[in-house]
Structure formats: structure tokens, C-alpha cells
């Protein structure tokens, strides 16, 4: 079992734990918006660390992003295996080609006033 799989297992167990004994349980008790905001904060901190040039800080912040993403996915019932399958599906496809394939969907959303943040 790899590190992310072990993390996923631990997070799933702790979602139902007492909030006084588990950070994951505290996040769960505070709800999805708090979990999502925390992931966003960690992502921004990762960008800042990348731009600062401090390798150790970048590694630490990247670990925080992976942790909080794992928590959010577990809260939503999305297994890491499903995310990995999506990455496998995309493997060997140019990022430009993959984005172009999504473009009609993006244009449709723009026409209706919706957007996906791309």
C-alpha cells in the first residue's frame, strides 16, 4: 500500500472520529465549505512557496495540499482510485488536446453565463 492509499484509509477512519481527538474529524464537523476553503488556502500557500524558491517549504505545502485534497475527496465519497483512473485516462494525451476537447463545453457554459474557473 502506498503513502496516499494509507493516508486515504486513515482519513476515512477519522472522518467519523470524535472532533476533540482528530483534526480530520474537526474539519468534517465544520463542513464541506471549510474543507474546500482550507484546500484553497493550502494551494495558494503552495504557489507562494514555489515562487519563493524555498524547496523545503514547497515540499511541505505540497504535502498539505495532498492531505487536504484527500480529506475533501473522502468527504465527498470520491476514492483516490477514481482520480487515478482519470489521470490514467489522460495519460499520453497532450494537455492542449485535452483542453481543446473540453472547449465546446466551456463555450456552452459561457453562452449561458456559467463558468468553470478555467
Protein backbone atom coordinates (compact mmCIF):
# COMPACT_ATOMS: atom_id res chain seq x y z
CA UNK A 1 0.00 0.00 0.00
CA UNK A 2 1.48 3.35 -0.97
CA UNK A 3 1.54 6.53 1.09
CA UNK A 4 -1.54 8.11 -0.48
CA UNK A 5 -3.55 4.90 -0.04
CA UNK A 6 -2.56 4.72 3.63
CA UNK A 7 -3.47 8.39 4.04
CA UNK A 8 -6.85 7.81 2.39
CA UNK A 9 -7.56 4.89 4.73
CA UNK A 10 -6.62 6.94 7.80
CA UNK A 11 -8.68 9.93 6.67
CA UNK A 12 -11.77 7.76 6.08
CA UNK A 13 -11.45 6.30 9.56
CA UNK A 14 -11.02 9.70 11.16
CA UNK A 15 -13.98 11.33 9.43
CA UNK A 16 -16.18 9.56 11.95
CA UNK A 17 -13.93 10.11 14.96
CA UNK A 18 -14.51 12.46 17.86
CA UNK A 19 -13.75 16.04 16.81
CA UNK A 20 -11.83 16.51 20.05
CA UNK A 21 -9.32 13.85 19.07
CA UNK A 22 -8.87 14.29 15.31
CA UNK A 23 -8.14 17.21 13.00
CA UNK A 24 -9.92 15.38 10.17
CA UNK A 25 -12.98 14.93 12.40
CA UNK A 26 -12.85 18.65 13.25
CA UNK A 27 -12.85 19.52 9.55
CA UNK A 28 -15.74 17.11 8.98
CA UNK A 29 -17.72 18.69 11.81
CA UNK A 30 -17.15 22.16 10.36
CA UNK A 31 -18.47 21.08 6.96
CA UNK A 32 -17.62 20.98 3.29
CA UNK A 33 -17.20 24.75 2.79
CA UNK A 34 -14.48 24.83 5.46
CA UNK A 35 -12.76 21.81 3.92
CA UNK A 36 -12.86 23.40 0.48
CA UNK A 37 -11.58 26.74 1.79
CA UNK A 38 -8.72 25.01 3.62
CA UNK A 39 -7.71 23.20 0.42
CA UNK A 40 -7.74 26.53 -1.41
CA UNK A 41 -5.60 28.17 1.28
CA UNK A 42 -3.07 25.35 1.07
CA UNK A 43 -2.99 25.61 -2.73
CA UNK A 44 -2.23 29.33 -2.50
CA UNK A 45 0.49 28.67 0.07
CA UNK A 46 1.97 26.11 -2.33
CA UNK A 47 2.07 28.68 -5.12
CA UNK A 48 3.75 31.20 -2.81
CA UNK A 49 6.31 28.59 -1.75
CA UNK A 50 7.00 27.70 -5.38
CA UNK A 51 7.62 31.34 -6.23
CA UNK A 52 9.80 31.95 -3.18
CA UNK A 53 12.27 29.29 -4.29
CA UNK A 54 12.33 27.55 -0.89
CA UNK A 55 12.33 23.83 -1.74
CA UNK A 56 11.59 22.58 1.79
CA UNK A 57 8.64 24.96 2.12
CA UNK A 58 7.31 23.85 -1.27
CA UNK A 59 7.54 20.19 -0.29
CA UNK A 60 5.71 20.87 2.98
CA UNK A 61 2.97 22.89 1.32
CA UNK A 62 2.55 20.28 -1.44
CA UNK A 63 2.06 17.65 1.28
CA UNK A 64 -0.57 19.90 2.88
CA UNK A 65 -2.40 20.17 -0.46
CA UNK A 66 -2.40 16.40 -0.93
CA UNK A 67 -3.63 15.90 2.64
CA UNK A 68 -6.48 18.41 2.35
CA UNK A 69 -7.43 17.14 -1.12
CA UNK A 70 -7.62 13.63 0.31
CA UNK A 71 -9.86 14.89 3.13
CA UNK A 72 -12.16 16.70 0.68
CA UNK A 73 -12.38 13.70 -1.65
CA UNK A 74 -13.18 11.39 1.27
CA UNK A 75 -15.88 13.77 2.49
CA UNK A 76 -17.45 13.68 -0.99
CA UNK A 77 -17.11 9.90 -1.28
CA UNK A 78 -14.66 10.07 -4.17
CA UNK A 79 -11.95 7.42 -3.86
CA UNK A 80 -8.39 8.24 -4.88
CA UNK A 81 -8.62 5.28 -7.27
CA UNK A 82 -11.23 7.19 -9.27
CA UNK A 83 -8.93 10.22 -9.54
CA UNK A 84 -6.03 7.97 -10.52
CA UNK A 85 -8.20 6.32 -13.18
CA UNK A 86 -8.93 9.77 -14.63
CA UNK A 87 -5.20 10.53 -14.70
CA UNK A 88 -4.60 7.16 -16.38
CA UNK A 89 -7.27 8.02 -18.96
CA UNK A 90 -5.49 11.28 -19.72
CA UNK A 91 -2.02 9.74 -19.92
CA UNK A 92 -0.50 10.09 -23.36
CA UNK A 93 -2.92 12.84 -24.32
CA UNK A 94 -1.49 16.27 -24.94
CA UNK A 95 -2.70 18.79 -22.38
CA UNK A 96 -3.54 21.10 -25.26
CA UNK A 97 -5.59 18.40 -26.98
CA UNK A 98 -7.38 17.52 -23.73
CA UNK A 99 -8.24 21.16 -23.08
CA UNK A 100 -9.42 21.66 -26.67
CA UNK A 101 -11.73 18.66 -26.30
CA UNK A 102 -13.37 20.41 -23.33
CA UNK A 103 -13.61 23.77 -25.12
CA UNK A 104 -17.12 23.33 -26.62
CA UNK A 105 -18.42 22.61 -23.10
CA UNK A 106 -16.72 25.78 -21.85
CA UNK A 107 -18.17 27.81 -24.71
CA UNK A 108 -21.64 26.41 -23.99
CA UNK A 109 -21.33 27.44 -20.34
CA UNK A 110 -20.11 30.89 -21.34
CA UNK A 111 -23.14 31.33 -23.56
CA UNK A 112 -25.41 30.54 -20.62
CA UNK A 113 -23.46 32.70 -18.18
CA UNK A 114 -21.89 29.78 -16.31
CA UNK A 115 -18.17 29.15 -16.00
CA UNK A 116 -15.88 26.52 -14.53
CA UNK A 117 -12.96 28.67 -13.45
CA UNK A 118 -10.63 27.76 -16.33
